[in-house]
N, C-alpha and C. Protein backbone atom coordinates (compact mmCIF):
# COMPACT_ATOMS: atom_id res chain seq x y z
N ASP A 1 37.38 37.87 -46.87
CA ASP A 1 38.04 39.02 -46.29
C ASP A 1 39.36 39.29 -47.02
N MET A 2 40.10 38.24 -47.31
CA MET A 2 41.39 38.39 -47.98
C MET A 2 41.20 38.96 -49.39
N VAL A 3 40.17 38.51 -50.08
CA VAL A 3 39.91 38.99 -51.44
C VAL A 3 39.55 40.48 -51.41
N PHE A 4 38.68 40.86 -50.50
CA PHE A 4 38.28 42.27 -50.38
C PHE A 4 39.49 43.14 -50.03
N ARG A 5 40.29 42.71 -49.04
CA ARG A 5 41.44 43.51 -48.63
C ARG A 5 42.44 43.68 -49.76
N THR A 6 42.65 42.64 -50.54
CA THR A 6 43.57 42.73 -51.67
C THR A 6 43.06 43.72 -52.71
N ALA A 7 41.78 43.61 -53.03
CA ALA A 7 41.19 44.53 -54.01
C ALA A 7 41.22 45.97 -53.49
N TYR A 8 40.90 46.15 -52.22
CA TYR A 8 40.88 47.49 -51.64
C TYR A 8 42.27 48.11 -51.64
N THR A 9 43.28 47.31 -51.37
CA THR A 9 44.66 47.79 -51.39
C THR A 9 45.02 48.33 -52.77
N MET A 10 44.49 47.70 -53.79
CA MET A 10 44.86 48.10 -55.15
C MET A 10 44.01 49.26 -55.67
N VAL A 11 42.70 49.25 -55.41
CA VAL A 11 41.83 50.26 -56.03
C VAL A 11 41.53 51.43 -55.10
N LYS A 12 41.81 51.32 -53.83
CA LYS A 12 41.67 52.41 -52.85
C LYS A 12 40.23 52.93 -52.72
N ASN A 13 39.26 52.08 -52.98
CA ASN A 13 37.86 52.47 -52.86
C ASN A 13 37.07 51.25 -52.39
N PRO A 14 36.39 51.34 -51.24
CA PRO A 14 35.70 50.16 -50.71
C PRO A 14 34.57 49.66 -51.60
N HIS A 15 33.88 50.56 -52.28
CA HIS A 15 32.76 50.15 -53.14
C HIS A 15 33.26 49.39 -54.37
N ASP A 16 34.31 49.90 -54.97
CA ASP A 16 34.89 49.20 -56.12
C ASP A 16 35.51 47.88 -55.69
N ALA A 17 36.12 47.85 -54.51
CA ALA A 17 36.71 46.61 -54.00
C ALA A 17 35.63 45.56 -53.76
N GLU A 18 34.47 45.98 -53.28
CA GLU A 18 33.36 45.03 -53.08
C GLU A 18 32.90 44.46 -54.42
N ASP A 19 32.82 45.31 -55.44
CA ASP A 19 32.42 44.83 -56.77
C ASP A 19 33.42 43.83 -57.32
N ILE A 20 34.70 44.12 -57.15
CA ILE A 20 35.74 43.21 -57.64
C ILE A 20 35.68 41.89 -56.88
N ALA A 21 35.52 41.94 -55.56
CA ALA A 21 35.43 40.72 -54.77
C ALA A 21 34.23 39.88 -55.22
N GLN A 22 33.12 40.53 -55.50
CA GLN A 22 31.95 39.80 -55.96
C GLN A 22 32.23 39.14 -57.30
N ASP A 23 32.89 39.84 -58.21
CA ASP A 23 33.25 39.26 -59.51
C ASP A 23 34.15 38.04 -59.35
N VAL A 24 35.08 38.12 -58.41
CA VAL A 24 36.00 37.00 -58.18
C VAL A 24 35.22 35.77 -57.72
N PHE A 25 34.29 35.94 -56.79
CA PHE A 25 33.54 34.79 -56.30
C PHE A 25 32.54 34.26 -57.32
N VAL A 26 32.03 35.15 -58.16
CA VAL A 26 31.17 34.68 -59.26
C VAL A 26 32.00 33.83 -60.22
N SER A 27 33.23 34.23 -60.48
CA SER A 27 34.13 33.44 -61.33
C SER A 27 34.42 32.08 -60.71
N LEU A 28 34.60 32.07 -59.41
CA LEU A 28 34.85 30.81 -58.71
C LEU A 28 33.68 29.85 -58.87
N VAL A 29 32.47 30.36 -58.77
CA VAL A 29 31.28 29.51 -58.91
C VAL A 29 31.10 29.09 -60.36
N ARG A 30 31.34 30.00 -61.30
CA ARG A 30 31.16 29.69 -62.71
C ARG A 30 32.17 28.67 -63.21
N VAL A 31 33.43 28.90 -62.91
CA VAL A 31 34.51 28.07 -63.45
C VAL A 31 34.60 26.74 -62.70
N GLN A 32 34.39 26.76 -61.42
CA GLN A 32 34.50 25.59 -60.54
C GLN A 32 35.80 24.81 -60.78
N PRO A 33 36.93 25.50 -60.60
CA PRO A 33 38.21 24.82 -60.81
C PRO A 33 38.46 23.76 -59.73
N LYS A 34 39.22 22.78 -60.09
CA LYS A 34 39.61 21.73 -59.13
C LYS A 34 40.93 22.14 -58.49
N PHE A 35 40.93 22.24 -57.17
CA PHE A 35 42.13 22.67 -56.44
C PHE A 35 42.79 21.48 -55.78
N GLU A 36 44.13 21.51 -55.78
CA GLU A 36 44.89 20.44 -55.15
C GLU A 36 44.89 20.56 -53.63
N SER A 37 44.79 21.81 -53.14
CA SER A 37 44.83 22.05 -51.70
C SER A 37 44.19 23.40 -51.40
N ASP A 38 44.08 23.69 -50.12
CA ASP A 38 43.56 25.00 -49.72
C ASP A 38 44.49 26.12 -50.14
N GLU A 39 45.79 25.86 -50.11
CA GLU A 39 46.76 26.86 -50.54
C GLU A 39 46.63 27.16 -52.03
N HIS A 40 46.34 26.14 -52.82
CA HIS A 40 46.14 26.32 -54.25
C HIS A 40 44.90 27.19 -54.49
N GLN A 41 43.83 26.96 -53.73
CA GLN A 41 42.62 27.77 -53.84
C GLN A 41 42.91 29.22 -53.45
N LYS A 42 43.66 29.41 -52.39
CA LYS A 42 44.01 30.76 -51.94
C LYS A 42 44.82 31.49 -53.01
N ALA A 43 45.78 30.79 -53.60
CA ALA A 43 46.61 31.40 -54.65
C ALA A 43 45.76 31.76 -55.86
N TRP A 44 44.82 30.90 -56.23
CA TRP A 44 43.93 31.18 -57.35
C TRP A 44 43.09 32.42 -57.08
N LEU A 45 42.51 32.49 -55.88
CA LEU A 45 41.68 33.64 -55.51
C LEU A 45 42.49 34.94 -55.54
N LEU A 46 43.70 34.90 -55.00
CA LEU A 46 44.54 36.09 -55.01
C LEU A 46 44.91 36.52 -56.42
N ARG A 47 45.27 35.58 -57.26
CA ARG A 47 45.68 35.91 -58.63
C ARG A 47 44.51 36.51 -59.40
N VAL A 48 43.33 35.92 -59.27
CA VAL A 48 42.15 36.44 -59.97
C VAL A 48 41.81 37.83 -59.44
N THR A 49 41.91 38.04 -58.13
CA THR A 49 41.63 39.35 -57.54
C THR A 49 42.59 40.40 -58.07
N ILE A 50 43.86 40.08 -58.11
CA ILE A 50 44.87 41.02 -58.63
C ILE A 50 44.60 41.33 -60.09
N ASN A 51 44.30 40.32 -60.88
CA ASN A 51 44.03 40.55 -62.30
C ASN A 51 42.79 41.41 -62.51
N ARG A 52 41.74 41.13 -61.76
CA ARG A 52 40.51 41.94 -61.88
C ARG A 52 40.77 43.38 -61.45
N SER A 53 41.55 43.57 -60.41
CA SER A 53 41.86 44.92 -59.93
C SER A 53 42.67 45.69 -60.97
N LYS A 54 43.64 45.03 -61.57
CA LYS A 54 44.44 45.68 -62.62
C LYS A 54 43.58 46.04 -63.82
N SER A 55 42.68 45.15 -64.20
CA SER A 55 41.78 45.43 -65.32
C SER A 55 40.88 46.61 -65.00
N PHE A 56 40.40 46.68 -63.77
CA PHE A 56 39.56 47.79 -63.35
C PHE A 56 40.33 49.10 -63.45
N LEU A 57 41.57 49.12 -62.98
CA LEU A 57 42.36 50.34 -63.00
C LEU A 57 42.73 50.77 -64.42
N ARG A 58 42.84 49.81 -65.34
CA ARG A 58 43.16 50.12 -66.73
C ARG A 58 41.95 50.51 -67.56
N SER A 59 40.76 50.28 -67.03
CA SER A 59 39.54 50.51 -67.82
C SER A 59 39.41 51.99 -68.20
N ALA A 60 38.82 52.21 -69.36
CA ALA A 60 38.62 53.58 -69.85
C ALA A 60 37.74 54.37 -68.90
N TRP A 61 36.73 53.74 -68.35
CA TRP A 61 35.84 54.43 -67.42
C TRP A 61 36.62 54.95 -66.22
N GLN A 62 37.44 54.13 -65.66
CA GLN A 62 38.21 54.52 -64.47
C GLN A 62 39.20 55.63 -64.79
N GLN A 63 39.78 55.62 -65.95
CA GLN A 63 40.77 56.62 -66.32
C GLN A 63 40.16 57.97 -66.63
N ARG A 64 38.87 58.00 -67.02
CA ARG A 64 38.24 59.25 -67.43
C ARG A 64 37.34 59.86 -66.37
N THR A 65 37.16 59.21 -65.25
CA THR A 65 36.28 59.74 -64.22
C THR A 65 37.05 60.08 -62.97
N GLN A 66 36.49 60.99 -62.19
CA GLN A 66 37.07 61.35 -60.90
C GLN A 66 35.97 61.20 -59.87
N GLY A 67 36.34 60.77 -58.68
CA GLY A 67 35.38 60.65 -57.61
C GLY A 67 35.05 62.01 -57.02
N LEU A 68 33.94 62.05 -56.30
CA LEU A 68 33.57 63.29 -55.64
C LEU A 68 34.45 63.49 -54.41
N PRO A 69 34.71 64.73 -54.05
CA PRO A 69 35.49 64.96 -52.82
C PRO A 69 34.70 64.53 -51.60
N ASP A 70 35.39 64.26 -50.52
CA ASP A 70 34.73 63.82 -49.29
C ASP A 70 33.78 64.86 -48.74
N THR A 71 34.13 66.12 -48.89
CA THR A 71 33.25 67.21 -48.41
C THR A 71 32.86 68.08 -49.59
N LEU A 72 31.57 68.29 -49.74
CA LEU A 72 31.07 69.14 -50.81
C LEU A 72 30.74 70.50 -50.26
N PRO A 73 30.98 71.58 -51.00
CA PRO A 73 30.64 72.91 -50.51
C PRO A 73 29.11 73.08 -50.44
N ASP A 74 28.67 73.91 -49.53
CA ASP A 74 27.24 74.20 -49.40
C ASP A 74 26.76 74.95 -50.64
N ALA A 75 25.53 74.68 -51.04
CA ALA A 75 24.97 75.29 -52.25
C ALA A 75 24.34 76.64 -51.94
N ALA A 76 24.65 77.23 -50.80
CA ALA A 76 24.07 78.52 -50.40
C ALA A 76 24.63 79.60 -51.22
């Protein structure tokens, strides 16, 4: 929950935040770092989430695309 909320705060899109959170947990499983405590694990997760979110916001794809508006006009 903390990872998703952090990503969502930065990218302002729940779908992108879910993707970032998934990437963070895949990294956790892949790297399998040794943590000294639960606080160390929490700090690692937050730092990786922030870094992934910043990378997402800097990506060329993100800078060149715009999302659809919440309401689309009728095609009538």
